[in-house]
Amino acid sequence: MVDLAPLTAPDASGLPPALVMVAGYDVLRDEGIQYAHRLAQAGTPVTLVEYSGMVHGFIGMAGALEAARQALAQVADAVGRALAG
């Protein structure tokens, strides 16, 4: 069996800059925060953003939630900066 979980990868160095977003009411919140800290400890530039009042998958609710629209804008900005090099 192959373990593909980023949090348990043997080496977190040499990765590109990362934007890690977590929702306050998400069962995966703590793992996301741990992953962001692991990236930072490995020297990877990382931005950690927590949407404290949101649930898992909130970003897909941009039609109804301002927080989701803000999160999508952050993702678009991060991707734009990465592509601009």
PDB file of N, CA and C in Angstrom:
ATOM      1  N   MET A   1       0.840  -1.176   0.000  1.00  0.00           N
ATOM      2  CA  MET A   1       0.000   0.000   0.000  1.00  0.00           C
ATOM      3  C   MET A   1       0.889   1.244   0.000  1.00  0.00           C
ATOM      4  N   VAL A   2       0.510   2.211  -0.780  1.00  0.00           N
ATOM      5  CA  VAL A   2       1.263   3.460  -0.876  1.00  0.00           C
ATOM      6  C   VAL A   2       0.545   4.535  -0.080  1.00  0.00           C
ATOM      7  N   ASP A   3       1.284   5.263   0.756  1.00  0.00           N
ATOM      8  CA  ASP A   3       0.728   6.359   1.549  1.00  0.00           C
ATOM      9  C   ASP A   3       0.970   7.662   0.803  1.00  0.00           C
ATOM     10  N   LEU A   4      -0.085   8.287   0.336  1.00  0.00           N
ATOM     11  CA  LEU A   4       0.040   9.524  -0.429  1.00  0.00           C
ATOM     12  C   LEU A   4      -0.385  10.750   0.365  1.00  0.00           C
ATOM     13  N   ALA A   5      -0.540  10.625   1.664  1.00  0.00           N
ATOM     14  CA  ALA A   5      -0.952  11.754   2.492  1.00  0.00           C
ATOM     15  C   ALA A   5       0.199  12.749   2.622  1.00  0.00           C
ATOM     16  N   PRO A   6      -0.005  13.993   2.208  1.00  0.00           N
ATOM     17  CA  PRO A   6       1.077  14.981   2.269  1.00  0.00           C
ATOM     18  C   PRO A   6       1.637  15.175   3.675  1.00  0.00           C
ATOM     19  N   LEU A   7       0.788  15.067   4.684  1.00  0.00           N
ATOM     20  CA  LEU A   7       1.242  15.291   6.054  1.00  0.00           C
ATOM     21  C   LEU A   7       2.257  14.249   6.503  1.00  0.00           C
ATOM     22  N   THR A   8       2.182  13.044   5.951  1.00  0.00           N
ATOM     23  CA  THR A   8       3.083  11.976   6.382  1.00  0.00           C
ATOM     24  C   THR A   8       4.214  11.704   5.393  1.00  0.00           C
ATOM     25  N   ALA A   9       4.357  12.540   4.385  1.00  0.00           N
ATOM     26  CA  ALA A   9       5.458  12.365   3.432  1.00  0.00           C
ATOM     27  C   ALA A   9       6.787  12.475   4.177  1.00  0.00           C
ATOM     28  N   PRO A  10       7.785  11.681   3.797  1.00  0.00           N
ATOM     29  CA  PRO A  10       9.051  11.692   4.526  1.00  0.00           C
ATOM     30  C   PRO A  10       9.819  13.006   4.418  1.00  0.00           C
ATOM     31  N   ASP A  11       9.594  13.775   3.359  1.00  0.00           N
ATOM     32  CA  ASP A  11      10.350  15.013   3.160  1.00  0.00           C
ATOM     33  C   ASP A  11       9.416  16.109   2.663  1.00  0.00           C
ATOM     34  N   ALA A  12       9.380  17.216   3.379  1.00  0.00           N
ATOM     35  CA  ALA A  12       8.514  18.334   2.991  1.00  0.00           C
ATOM     36  C   ALA A  12       9.323  19.499   2.441  1.00  0.00           C
ATOM     37  N   SER A  13      10.597  19.279   2.167  1.00  0.00           N
ATOM     38  CA  SER A  13      11.431  20.370   1.654  1.00  0.00           C
ATOM     39  C   SER A  13      11.359  20.424   0.130  1.00  0.00           C
ATOM     40  N   GLY A  14      11.732  21.568  -0.412  1.00  0.00           N
ATOM     41  CA  GLY A  14      11.801  21.727  -1.856  1.00  0.00           C
ATOM     42  C   GLY A  14      10.458  21.865  -2.544  1.00  0.00           C
ATOM     43  N   LEU A  15       9.423  22.091  -1.790  1.00  0.00           N
ATOM     44  CA  LEU A  15       8.094  22.237  -2.376  1.00  0.00           C
ATOM     45  C   LEU A  15       7.840  23.699  -2.748  1.00  0.00           C
ATOM     46  N   PRO A  16       6.932  23.947  -3.682  1.00  0.00           N
ATOM     47  CA  PRO A  16       6.625  25.325  -4.065  1.00  0.00           C
ATOM     48  C   PRO A  16       5.838  26.027  -2.956  1.00  0.00           C
ATOM     49  N   PRO A  17       5.760  27.347  -3.019  1.00  0.00           N
ATOM     50  CA  PRO A  17       4.960  28.078  -2.029  1.00  0.00           C
ATOM     51  C   PRO A  17       3.543  27.512  -1.960  1.00  0.00           C
ATOM     52  N   ALA A  18       2.981  27.537  -0.765  1.00  0.00           N
ATOM     53  CA  ALA A  18       1.670  26.917  -0.558  1.00  0.00           C
ATOM     54  C   ALA A  18       0.706  27.869   0.129  1.00  0.00           C
ATOM     55  N   LEU A  19      -0.537  27.770  -0.258  1.00  0.00           N
ATOM     56  CA  LEU A  19      -1.647  28.415   0.432  1.00  0.00           C
ATOM     57  C   LEU A  19      -2.470  27.289   1.040  1.00  0.00           C
ATOM     58  N   VAL A  20      -2.534  27.253   2.359  1.00  0.00           N
ATOM     59  CA  VAL A  20      -3.302  26.224   3.058  1.00  0.00           C
ATOM     60  C   VAL A  20      -4.491  26.912   3.712  1.00  0.00           C
ATOM     61  N   MET A  21      -5.688  26.509   3.309  1.00  0.00           N
ATOM     62  CA  MET A  21      -6.911  27.071   3.876  1.00  0.00           C
ATOM     63  C   MET A  21      -7.624  25.990   4.664  1.00  0.00           C
ATOM     64  N   VAL A  22      -8.069  26.355   5.848  1.00  0.00           N
ATOM     65  CA  VAL A  22      -8.819  25.417   6.673  1.00  0.00           C
ATOM     66  C   VAL A  22     -10.112  26.083   7.129  1.00  0.00           C
ATOM     67  N   ALA A  23     -11.118  25.259   7.360  1.00  0.00           N
ATOM     68  CA  ALA A  23     -12.396  25.736   7.879  1.00  0.00           C
ATOM     69  C   ALA A  23     -12.484  25.371   9.354  1.00  0.00           C
ATOM     70  N   GLY A  24     -12.986  26.288  10.145  1.00  0.00           N
ATOM     71  CA  GLY A  24     -13.046  26.085  11.587  1.00  0.00           C
ATOM     72  C   GLY A  24     -13.835  24.868  12.015  1.00  0.00           C
ATOM     73  N   TYR A  25     -14.884  24.521  11.269  1.00  0.00           N
ATOM     74  CA  TYR A  25     -15.725  23.374  11.616  1.00  0.00           C
ATOM     75  C   TYR A  25     -15.492  22.222  10.650  1.00  0.00           C
ATOM     76  N   ASP A  26     -14.240  21.952  10.369  1.00  0.00           N
ATOM     77  CA  ASP A  26     -13.866  20.874   9.451  1.00  0.00           C
ATOM     78  C   ASP A  26     -13.100  19.817  10.236  1.00  0.00           C
ATOM     79  N   VAL A  27     -13.463  18.569  10.062  1.00  0.00           N
ATOM     80  CA  VAL A  27     -12.768  17.483  10.749  1.00  0.00           C
ATOM     81  C   VAL A  27     -11.286  17.443  10.348  1.00  0.00           C
ATOM     82  N   LEU A  28     -10.936  18.007   9.196  1.00  0.00           N
ATOM     83  CA  LEU A  28      -9.548  18.017   8.721  1.00  0.00           C
ATOM     84  C   LEU A  28      -8.788  19.293   9.092  1.00  0.00           C
ATOM     85  N   ARG A  29      -9.404  20.161   9.869  1.00  0.00           N
ATOM     86  CA  ARG A  29      -8.784  21.440  10.231  1.00  0.00           C
ATOM     87  C   ARG A  29      -7.401  21.261  10.866  1.00  0.00           C
ATOM     88  N   ASP A  30      -7.316  20.445  11.882  1.00  0.00           N
ATOM     89  CA  ASP A  30      -6.047  20.282  12.599  1.00  0.00           C
ATOM     90  C   ASP A  30      -4.951  19.725  11.699  1.00  0.00           C
ATOM     91  N   GLU A  31      -5.308  18.792  10.819  1.00  0.00           N
ATOM     92  CA  GLU A  31      -4.320  18.233   9.896  1.00  0.00           C
ATOM     93  C   GLU A  31      -3.820  19.298   8.925  1.00  0.00           C
ATOM     94  N   GLY A  32      -4.709  20.171   8.480  1.00  0.00           N
ATOM     95  CA  GLY A  32      -4.301  21.258   7.597  1.00  0.00           C
ATOM     96  C   GLY A  32      -3.326  22.198   8.280  1.00  0.00           C
ATOM     97  N   ILE A  33      -3.606  22.517   9.527  1.00  0.00           N
ATOM     98  CA  ILE A  33      -2.716  23.391  10.297  1.00  0.00           C
ATOM     99  C   ILE A  33      -1.370  22.706  10.519  1.00  0.00           C
ATOM    100  N   GLN A  34      -1.389  21.427  10.852  1.00  0.00           N
ATOM    101  CA  GLN A  34      -0.136  20.683  11.036  1.00  0.00           C
ATOM    102  C   GLN A  34       0.682  20.674   9.749  1.00  0.00           C
ATOM    103  N   TYR A  35       0.010  20.481   8.625  1.00  0.00           N
ATOM    104  CA  TYR A  35       0.710  20.460   7.340  1.00  0.00           C
ATOM    105  C   TYR A  35       1.343  21.812   7.051  1.00  0.00           C
ATOM    106  N   ALA A  36       0.631  22.887   7.303  1.00  0.00           N
ATOM    107  CA  ALA A  36       1.190  24.222   7.081  1.00  0.00           C
ATOM    108  C   ALA A  36       2.426  24.437   7.949  1.00  0.00           C
ATOM    109  N   HIS A  37       2.362  24.018   9.195  1.00  0.00           N
ATOM    110  CA  HIS A  37       3.521  24.155  10.088  1.00  0.00           C
ATOM    111  C   HIS A  37       4.686  23.294   9.611  1.00  0.00           C
ATOM    112  N   ARG A  38       4.379  22.112   9.129  1.00  0.00           N
ATOM    113  CA  ARG A  38       5.437  21.227   8.618  1.00  0.00           C
ATOM    114  C   ARG A  38       6.126  21.846   7.410  1.00  0.00           C
ATOM    115  N   LEU A  39       5.350  22.422   6.505  1.00  0.00           N
ATOM    116  CA  LEU A  39       5.934  23.098   5.344  1.00  0.00           C
ATOM    117  C   LEU A  39       6.834  24.242   5.792  1.00  0.00           C
ATOM    118  N   ALA A  40       6.355  25.043   6.723  1.00  0.00           N
ATOM    119  CA  ALA A  40       7.141  26.179   7.210  1.00  0.00           C
ATOM    120  C   ALA A  40       8.445  25.703   7.842  1.00  0.00           C
ATOM    121  N   GLN A  41       8.388  24.642   8.633  1.00  0.00           N
ATOM    122  CA  GLN A  41       9.597  24.105   9.263  1.00  0.00           C
ATOM    123  C   GLN A  41      10.588  23.587   8.234  1.00  0.00           C
ATOM    124  N   ALA A  42      10.089  23.149   7.078  1.00  0.00           N
ATOM    125  CA  ALA A  42      10.961  22.645   6.011  1.00  0.00           C
ATOM    126  C   ALA A  42      11.483  23.772   5.123  1.00  0.00           C
ATOM    127  N   GLY A  43      11.075  25.010   5.433  1.00  0.00           N
ATOM    128  CA  GLY A  43      11.557  26.152   4.662  1.00  0.00           C
ATOM    129  C   GLY A  43      10.695  26.526   3.471  1.00  0.00           C
ATOM    130  N   THR A  44       9.543  25.912   3.346  1.00  0.00           N
ATOM    131  CA  THR A  44       8.632  26.226   2.251  1.00  0.00           C
ATOM    132  C   THR A  44       7.806  27.450   2.616  1.00  0.00           C
ATOM    133  N   PRO A  45       7.751  28.444   1.737  1.00  0.00           N
ATOM    134  CA  PRO A  45       6.879  29.590   2.012  1.00  0.00           C
ATOM    135  C   PRO A  45       5.420  29.118   2.057  1.00  0.00           C
ATOM    136  N   VAL A  46       4.743  29.430   3.139  1.00  0.00           N
ATOM    137  CA  VAL A  46       3.366  28.961   3.296  1.00  0.00           C
ATOM    138  C   VAL A  46       2.516  30.055   3.927  1.00  0.00           C
ATOM    139  N   THR A  47       1.310  30.178   3.431  1.00  0.00           N
ATOM    140  CA  THR A  47       0.313  31.062   4.022  1.00  0.00           C
ATOM    141  C   THR A  47      -0.808  30.182   4.544  1.00  0.00           C
ATOM    142  N   LEU A  48      -1.110  30.323   5.827  1.00  0.00           N
ATOM    143  CA  LEU A  48      -2.185  29.559   6.450  1.00  0.00           C
ATOM    144  C   LEU A  48      -3.336  30.508   6.740  1.00  0.00           C
ATOM    145  N   VAL A  49      -4.517  30.168   6.237  1.00  0.00           N
ATOM    146  CA  VAL A  49      -5.709  30.984   6.457  1.00  0.00           C
ATOM    147  C   VAL A  49      -6.789  30.094   7.049  1.00  0.00           C
ATOM    148  N   GLU A  50      -7.355  30.531   8.174  1.00  0.00           N
ATOM    149  CA  GLU A  50      -8.459  29.781   8.773  1.00  0.00           C
ATOM    150  C   GLU A  50      -9.744  30.590   8.655  1.00  0.00           C
ATOM    151  N   TYR A  51     -10.752  29.961   8.098  1.00  0.00           N
ATOM    152  CA  TYR A  51     -12.092  30.533   8.043  1.00  0.00           C
ATOM    153  C   TYR A  51     -12.865  29.914   9.202  1.00  0.00           C
ATOM    154  N   SER A  52     -12.820  30.590  10.356  1.00  0.00           N
ATOM    155  CA  SER A  52     -13.251  29.990  11.615  1.00  0.00           C
ATOM    156  C   SER A  52     -14.716  29.563  11.657  1.00  0.00           C
ATOM    157  N   GLY A  53     -15.597  30.257  11.002  1.00  0.00           N
ATOM    158  CA  GLY A  53     -17.006  29.903  11.085  1.00  0.00           C
ATOM    159  C   GLY A  53     -17.501  28.993   9.977  1.00  0.00           C
ATOM    160  N   MET A  54     -16.591  28.474   9.176  1.00  0.00           N
ATOM    161  CA  MET A  54     -16.979  27.713   7.988  1.00  0.00           C
ATOM    162  C   MET A  54     -16.856  26.203   8.203  1.00  0.00           C
ATOM    163  N   VAL A  55     -17.492  25.457   7.292  1.00  0.00           N
ATOM    164  CA  VAL A  55     -17.469  23.994   7.318  1.00  0.00           C
ATOM    165  C   VAL A  55     -16.672  23.482   6.119  1.00  0.00           C
ATOM    166  N   HIS A  56     -16.344  22.198   6.153  1.00  0.00           N
ATOM    167  CA  HIS A  56     -15.632  21.566   5.047  1.00  0.00           C
ATOM    168  C   HIS A  56     -16.405  21.782   3.746  1.00  0.00           C
ATOM    169  N   GLY A  57     -15.706  22.180   2.709  1.00  0.00           N
ATOM    170  CA  GLY A  57     -16.331  22.378   1.410  1.00  0.00           C
ATOM    171  C   GLY A  57     -16.979  23.735   1.216  1.00  0.00           C
ATOM    172  N   PHE A  58     -16.821  24.641   2.176  1.00  0.00           N
ATOM    173  CA  PHE A  58     -17.476  25.943   2.079  1.00  0.00           C
ATOM    174  C   PHE A  58     -17.092  26.702   0.820  1.00  0.00           C
ATOM    175  N   ILE A  59     -15.888  26.479   0.327  1.00  0.00           N
ATOM    176  CA  ILE A  59     -15.412  27.233  -0.833  1.00  0.00           C
ATOM    177  C   ILE A  59     -16.280  26.965  -2.069  1.00  0.00           C
ATOM    178  N   GLY A  60     -16.973  25.853  -2.079  1.00  0.00           N
ATOM    179  CA  GLY A  60     -17.872  25.540  -3.182  1.00  0.00           C
ATOM    180  C   GLY A  60     -19.223  26.241  -3.087  1.00  0.00           C
ATOM    181  N   MET A  61     -19.404  27.036  -2.056  1.00  0.00           N
ATOM    182  CA  MET A  61     -20.678  27.731  -1.844  1.00  0.00           C
ATOM    183  C   MET A  61     -20.562  29.227  -2.119  1.00  0.00           C
ATOM    184  N   ALA A  62     -19.752  29.576  -3.114  1.00  0.00           N
ATOM    185  CA  ALA A  62     -19.497  30.990  -3.405  1.00  0.00           C
ATOM    186  C   ALA A  62     -20.753  31.744  -3.815  1.00  0.00           C
ATOM    187  N   GLY A  63     -21.748  31.039  -4.320  1.00  0.00           N
ATOM    188  CA  GLY A  63     -22.993  31.696  -4.683  1.00  0.00           C
ATOM    189  C   GLY A  63     -23.776  32.193  -3.480  1.00  0.00           C
ATOM    190  N   ALA A  64     -23.483  31.650  -2.303  1.00  0.00           N
ATOM    191  CA  ALA A  64     -24.248  31.993  -1.109  1.00  0.00           C
ATOM    192  C   ALA A  64     -23.416  32.591   0.019  1.00  0.00           C
ATOM    193  N   LEU A  65     -22.111  32.355   0.024  1.00  0.00           N
ATOM    194  CA  LEU A  65     -21.284  32.772   1.162  1.00  0.00           C
ATOM    195  C   LEU A  65     -20.197  33.758   0.751  1.00  0.00           C
ATOM    196  N   GLU A  66     -20.168  34.898   1.411  1.00  0.00           N
ATOM    197  CA  GLU A  66     -19.118  35.883   1.155  1.00  0.00           C
ATOM    198  C   GLU A  66     -17.745  35.303   1.489  1.00  0.00           C
ATOM    199  N   ALA A  67     -17.658  34.517   2.564  1.00  0.00           N
ATOM    200  CA  ALA A  67     -16.372  33.911   2.932  1.00  0.00           C
ATOM    201  C   ALA A  67     -15.845  33.025   1.813  1.00  0.00           C
ATOM    202  N   ALA A  68     -16.724  32.319   1.134  1.00  0.00           N
ATOM    203  CA  ALA A  68     -16.305  31.465   0.018  1.00  0.00           C
ATOM    204  C   ALA A  68     -15.790  32.314  -1.135  1.00  0.00           C
ATOM    205  N   ARG A  69     -16.442  33.431  -1.401  1.00  0.00           N
ATOM    206  CA  ARG A  69     -15.966  34.325  -2.465  1.00  0.00           C
ATOM    207  C   ARG A  69     -14.595  34.897  -2.110  1.00  0.00           C
ATOM    208  N   GLN A  70     -14.403  35.243  -0.844  1.00  0.00           N
ATOM    209  CA  GLN A  70     -13.095  35.736  -0.401  1.00  0.00           C
ATOM    210  C   GLN A  70     -12.030  34.651  -0.543  1.00  0.00           C
ATOM    211  N   ALA A  71     -12.367  33.434  -0.172  1.00  0.00           N
ATOM    212  CA  ALA A  71     -11.415  32.325  -0.278  1.00  0.00           C
ATOM    213  C   ALA A  71     -11.042  32.077  -1.732  1.00  0.00           C
ATOM    214  N   LEU A  72     -12.018  32.091  -2.623  1.00  0.00           N
ATOM    215  CA  LEU A  72     -11.730  31.907  -4.048  1.00  0.00           C
ATOM    216  C   LEU A  72     -10.838  33.023  -4.577  1.00  0.00           C
ATOM    217  N   ALA A  73     -11.065  34.243  -4.117  1.00  0.00           N
ATOM    218  CA  ALA A  73     -10.214  35.361  -4.535  1.00  0.00           C
ATOM    219  C   ALA A  73      -8.784  35.152  -4.045  1.00  0.00           C
ATOM    220  N   GLN A  74      -8.625  34.628  -2.827  1.00  0.00           N
ATOM    221  CA  GLN A  74      -7.284  34.344  -2.310  1.00  0.00           C
ATOM    222  C   GLN A  74      -6.598  33.263  -3.136  1.00  0.00           C
ATOM    223  N   VAL A  75      -7.335  32.241  -3.507  1.00  0.00           N
ATOM    224  CA  VAL A  75      -6.776  31.173  -4.335  1.00  0.00           C
ATOM    225  C   VAL A  75      -6.350  31.737  -5.683  1.00  0.00           C
ATOM    226  N   ALA A  76      -7.211  32.532  -6.304  1.00  0.00           N
ATOM    227  CA  ALA A  76      -6.893  33.123  -7.606  1.00  0.00           C
ATOM    228  C   ALA A  76      -5.655  34.005  -7.512  1.00  0.00           C
ATOM    229  N   ASP A  77      -5.547  34.772  -6.442  1.00  0.00           N
ATOM    230  CA  ASP A  77      -4.378  35.627  -6.250  1.00  0.00           C
ATOM    231  C   ASP A  77      -3.111  34.791  -6.089  1.00  0.00           C
ATOM    232  N   ALA A  78      -3.177  33.733  -5.288  1.00  0.00           N
ATOM    233  CA  ALA A  78      -2.006  32.876  -5.064  1.00  0.00           C
ATOM    234  C   ALA A  78      -1.571  32.191  -6.354  1.00  0.00           C
ATOM    235  N   VAL A  79      -2.522  31.702  -7.128  1.00  0.00           N
ATOM    236  CA  VAL A  79      -2.191  31.053  -8.400  1.00  0.00           C
ATOM    237  C   VAL A  79      -1.597  32.075  -9.368  1.00  0.00           C
ATOM    238  N   GLY A  80      -2.179  33.260  -9.415  1.00  0.00           N
ATOM    239  CA  GLY A  80      -1.650  34.310 -10.286  1.00  0.00           C
ATOM    240  C   GLY A  80      -0.216  34.672  -9.942  1.00  0.00           C
ATOM    241  N   ARG A  81       0.068  34.802  -8.647  1.00  0.00           N
ATOM    242  CA  ARG A  81       1.444  35.114  -8.227  1.00  0.00           C
ATOM    243  C   ARG A  81       2.395  33.976  -8.573  1.00  0.00           C
ATOM    244  N   ALA A  82       1.942  32.743  -8.401  1.00  0.00           N
ATOM    245  CA  ALA A  82       2.795  31.589  -8.716  1.00  0.00           C
ATOM    246  C   ALA A  82       3.103  31.525 -10.209  1.00  0.00           C
ATOM    247  N   LEU A  83       2.116  31.798 -11.031  1.00  0.00           N
ATOM    248  CA  LEU A  83       2.325  31.742 -12.478  1.00  0.00           C
ATOM    249  C   LEU A  83       3.163  32.910 -12.986  1.00  0.00           C
ATOM    250  N   ALA A  84       3.090  34.033 -12.284  1.00  0.00           N
ATOM    251  CA  ALA A  84       3.871  35.207 -12.683  1.00  0.00           C
ATOM    252  C   ALA A  84       5.352  35.012 -12.358  1.00  0.00           C
ATOM    253  N   GLY A  85       5.618  34.071 -11.475  1.00  0.00           N
ATOM    254  CA  GLY A  85       6.979  33.699 -11.146  1.00  0.00           C
ATOM    255  C   GLY A  85       7.691  34.662 -10.311  1.00  0.00           C
TER     256      GLY A  85
END
